[in-house]
């Protein structure tokens, strides 16, 4: 037979162990909610205007900053072309999402190369971040050999970054083409 005193101690020990187990489970659940409850998934802001992305980020519980502005031939001016962290990333509430905003397609002014020697004209075209297009050489007595007598597109035309400039070059003899 177990004395009543031992029975009482056993019941109190069992109760203490039970209460300790409940406290541990509650602590784990509370910590999990505190840590993971403040995490959210980053939405996709690409293609939105910067103003819309900032507003949508605030609604989602995130902060934003415009990190960079870049030229983009595929995105209209003012739209978000990239973001860090990317869509789907899990972050804490109030995390700062860095947005990259489009400046639209880069445009350059075509330099005037008519009257220049071919070598100098090619350098001017490359310095303007344009590509050299077709080069044709024709017999033309009114200009020294190797001189640019026409260009396409014309000077001061505004175009995209990788626009080609074609040249017509004077030669001292019969017509030829490169």
Protein backbone atom coordinates (compact mmCIF):
# COMPACT_ATOMS: atom_id res chain seq x y z
CA UNK A 1 0.00 0.00 0.00
CA UNK A 2 1.23 3.47 -0.88
CA UNK A 3 1.06 5.93 1.95
CA UNK A 4 -1.22 8.92 1.31
CA UNK A 5 1.70 11.24 1.63
CA UNK A 6 3.55 9.62 -1.34
CA UNK A 7 0.36 9.60 -3.35
CA UNK A 8 -0.04 13.36 -2.80
CA UNK A 9 3.59 14.04 -3.80
CA UNK A 10 3.18 11.91 -6.93
CA UNK A 11 0.01 13.80 -7.95
CA UNK A 12 1.67 17.17 -7.38
CA UNK A 13 4.75 16.12 -9.39
CA UNK A 14 2.53 14.87 -12.19
CA UNK A 15 0.59 18.15 -12.14
CA UNK A 16 3.84 20.16 -12.22
CA UNK A 17 5.15 18.15 -15.20
CA UNK A 18 1.82 18.64 -17.00
CA UNK A 19 1.84 22.39 -16.36
CA UNK A 20 5.47 22.60 -17.50
CA UNK A 21 4.59 20.75 -20.73
CA UNK A 22 1.66 23.11 -21.42
CA UNK A 23 3.92 26.13 -20.74
CA UNK A 24 6.58 24.80 -23.15
CA UNK A 25 4.03 24.18 -25.92
CA UNK A 26 2.56 27.67 -25.40
CA UNK A 27 6.05 29.23 -25.52
CA UNK A 28 6.90 27.42 -28.77
CA UNK A 29 3.62 28.47 -30.39
CA UNK A 30 4.05 32.06 -29.23
CA UNK A 31 7.61 32.25 -30.56
CA UNK A 32 6.59 30.72 -33.87
CA UNK A 33 3.80 33.25 -34.29
CA UNK A 34 6.07 36.11 -33.25
CA UNK A 35 8.77 35.13 -35.72
CA UNK A 36 6.78 33.82 -38.66
CA UNK A 37 3.61 35.80 -38.11
CA UNK A 38 5.46 38.98 -39.11
CA UNK A 39 6.71 37.50 -42.38
CA UNK A 40 5.01 38.20 -45.70
CA UNK A 41 5.56 37.24 -49.31
CA UNK A 42 6.84 40.00 -51.61
CA UNK A 43 4.37 40.76 -54.44
CA UNK A 44 5.45 41.28 -58.05
CA UNK A 45 5.69 45.03 -58.69
CA UNK A 46 7.23 44.75 -62.18
CA UNK A 47 5.22 46.50 -64.88
CA UNK A 48 3.46 48.76 -62.38
CA UNK A 49 4.05 52.50 -62.27
CA UNK A 50 6.34 53.50 -59.43
CA UNK A 51 3.43 55.27 -57.69
CA UNK A 52 1.22 52.15 -57.91
CA UNK A 53 4.06 49.90 -56.71
CA UNK A 54 4.71 52.15 -53.69
CA UNK A 55 1.00 52.20 -52.83
CA UNK A 56 0.62 48.41 -53.27
CA UNK A 57 3.73 47.76 -51.19
CA UNK A 58 2.38 49.88 -48.34
CA UNK A 59 -0.91 47.95 -48.50
CA UNK A 60 1.07 44.69 -48.26
CA UNK A 61 3.00 45.98 -45.23
CA UNK A 62 6.25 46.74 -47.04
CA UNK A 63 8.34 49.88 -47.52
CA UNK A 64 9.91 50.83 -50.85
CA UNK A 65 12.69 52.91 -52.26
CA UNK A 66 13.61 53.71 -55.86
CA UNK A 67 17.08 52.21 -56.01
CA UNK A 68 18.01 52.86 -59.63
CA UNK A 69 16.65 54.30 -62.83
CA UNK A 70 17.68 52.52 -66.03
CA UNK A 71 16.99 52.78 -69.75
CA UNK A 72 14.70 50.07 -71.07
CA UNK A 73 13.55 49.63 -74.64
CA UNK A 74 10.73 47.35 -73.41
CA UNK A 75 9.27 49.33 -70.48
CA UNK A 76 7.49 52.69 -70.55
CA UNK A 77 8.93 55.59 -68.58
CA UNK A 78 8.16 55.38 -64.86
CA UNK A 79 7.35 51.67 -64.67
CA UNK A 80 9.12 49.19 -62.42
CA UNK A 81 11.46 46.90 -64.39
CA UNK A 82 13.08 45.04 -61.45
CA UNK A 83 12.87 44.71 -57.69
CA UNK A 84 15.01 43.44 -54.83
CA UNK A 85 14.07 41.16 -53.17
CA UNK A 86 12.25 39.51 -56.04
CA UNK A 87 8.61 38.45 -56.21
CA UNK A 88 7.76 35.54 -53.93
CA UNK A 89 10.57 36.16 -51.44
CA UNK A 90 9.57 35.92 -47.77
CA UNK A 91 10.51 38.98 -45.71
CA UNK A 92 9.54 40.64 -42.43
CA UNK A 93 6.85 43.31 -42.36
CA UNK A 94 8.13 46.82 -43.12
CA UNK A 95 11.01 45.34 -45.15
CA UNK A 96 12.35 47.78 -47.75
CA UNK A 97 11.88 46.59 -51.32
CA UNK A 98 14.25 48.37 -53.72
CA UNK A 99 12.55 49.19 -57.02
CA UNK A 100 14.29 49.81 -60.34
CA UNK A 101 12.40 52.33 -62.47
CA UNK A 102 12.46 52.63 -66.26
CA UNK A 103 13.64 55.78 -68.00
CA UNK A 104 12.14 54.40 -71.22
CA UNK A 105 14.22 53.73 -74.32
CA UNK A 106 17.50 55.57 -74.53
CA UNK A 107 17.61 58.05 -77.35
CA UNK A 108 20.69 59.60 -78.89
CA UNK A 109 21.21 62.39 -81.37
CA UNK A 110 22.78 61.35 -84.66
CA UNK A 111 25.97 63.40 -85.20
CA UNK A 112 26.66 65.35 -88.39
CA UNK A 113 29.41 63.43 -90.20
CA UNK A 114 28.96 64.79 -93.74
CA UNK A 115 32.24 66.43 -94.80
CA UNK A 116 34.37 64.30 -92.43
CA UNK A 117 36.88 61.71 -93.49
CA UNK A 118 35.46 58.17 -93.21
CA UNK A 119 37.69 57.23 -90.24
CA UNK A 120 36.68 60.35 -88.26
CA UNK A 121 33.01 59.81 -89.13
CA UNK A 122 33.10 56.21 -87.88
CA UNK A 123 34.68 57.40 -84.60
CA UNK A 124 31.99 60.09 -84.17
CA UNK A 125 29.24 57.51 -84.79
CA UNK A 126 30.70 55.10 -82.23
CA UNK A 127 31.19 57.88 -79.65
CA UNK A 128 27.48 58.69 -80.01
CA UNK A 129 26.76 55.02 -79.07
CA UNK A 130 25.44 54.25 -82.55
CA UNK A 131 26.35 51.42 -84.92
CA UNK A 132 27.89 51.82 -88.32
CA UNK A 133 25.45 50.69 -90.99
CA UNK A 134 26.09 50.14 -94.70
CA UNK A 135 29.01 51.98 -96.24
CA UNK A 136 28.91 52.68 -99.98
CA UNK A 137 31.70 54.27 -101.99
CA UNK A 138 30.81 56.19 -105.15
CA UNK A 139 32.72 58.21 -107.70
CA UNK A 140 32.21 61.83 -106.74
CA UNK A 141 34.50 64.57 -108.04
CA UNK A 142 33.23 67.42 -105.80
CA UNK A 143 34.80 65.99 -102.60
CA UNK A 144 38.18 64.51 -101.70
CA UNK A 145 38.43 60.71 -101.70
CA UNK A 146 37.36 59.16 -98.40
CA UNK A 147 35.03 62.05 -97.51
CA UNK A 148 31.48 61.37 -96.28
CA UNK A 149 29.08 62.96 -98.78
CA UNK A 150 25.79 61.68 -97.31
CA UNK A 151 24.47 59.89 -94.24
CA UNK A 152 21.26 58.15 -93.23
CA UNK A 153 19.61 58.97 -90.85
CA UNK A 154 20.25 62.68 -91.19
CA UNK A 155 22.12 64.68 -88.53
CA UNK A 156 20.22 65.60 -85.33
CA UNK A 157 17.74 62.76 -85.87
CA UNK A 158 16.85 61.21 -82.50
CA UNK A 159 16.76 57.47 -82.30
CA UNK A 160 17.29 54.46 -80.13
CA UNK A 161 20.60 53.47 -78.61
CA UNK A 162 21.51 50.83 -81.19
CA UNK A 163 20.53 52.80 -84.32
CA UNK A 164 22.65 52.28 -87.44
CA UNK A 165 24.10 55.13 -89.48
CA UNK A 166 24.75 54.42 -93.17
CA UNK A 167 27.43 56.39 -95.00
CA UNK A 168 28.06 57.36 -98.62
CA UNK A 169 31.78 57.94 -99.21
CA UNK A 170 33.41 59.79 -102.14
CA UNK A 171 36.09 58.00 -104.15
CA UNK A 172 38.31 59.33 -106.87
CA UNK A 173 37.43 56.64 -109.41
CA UNK A 174 34.51 54.50 -110.68
CA UNK A 175 31.59 53.44 -108.43
CA UNK A 176 32.15 50.61 -106.00
CA UNK A 177 30.37 49.28 -102.93
CA UNK A 178 31.46 47.64 -99.61
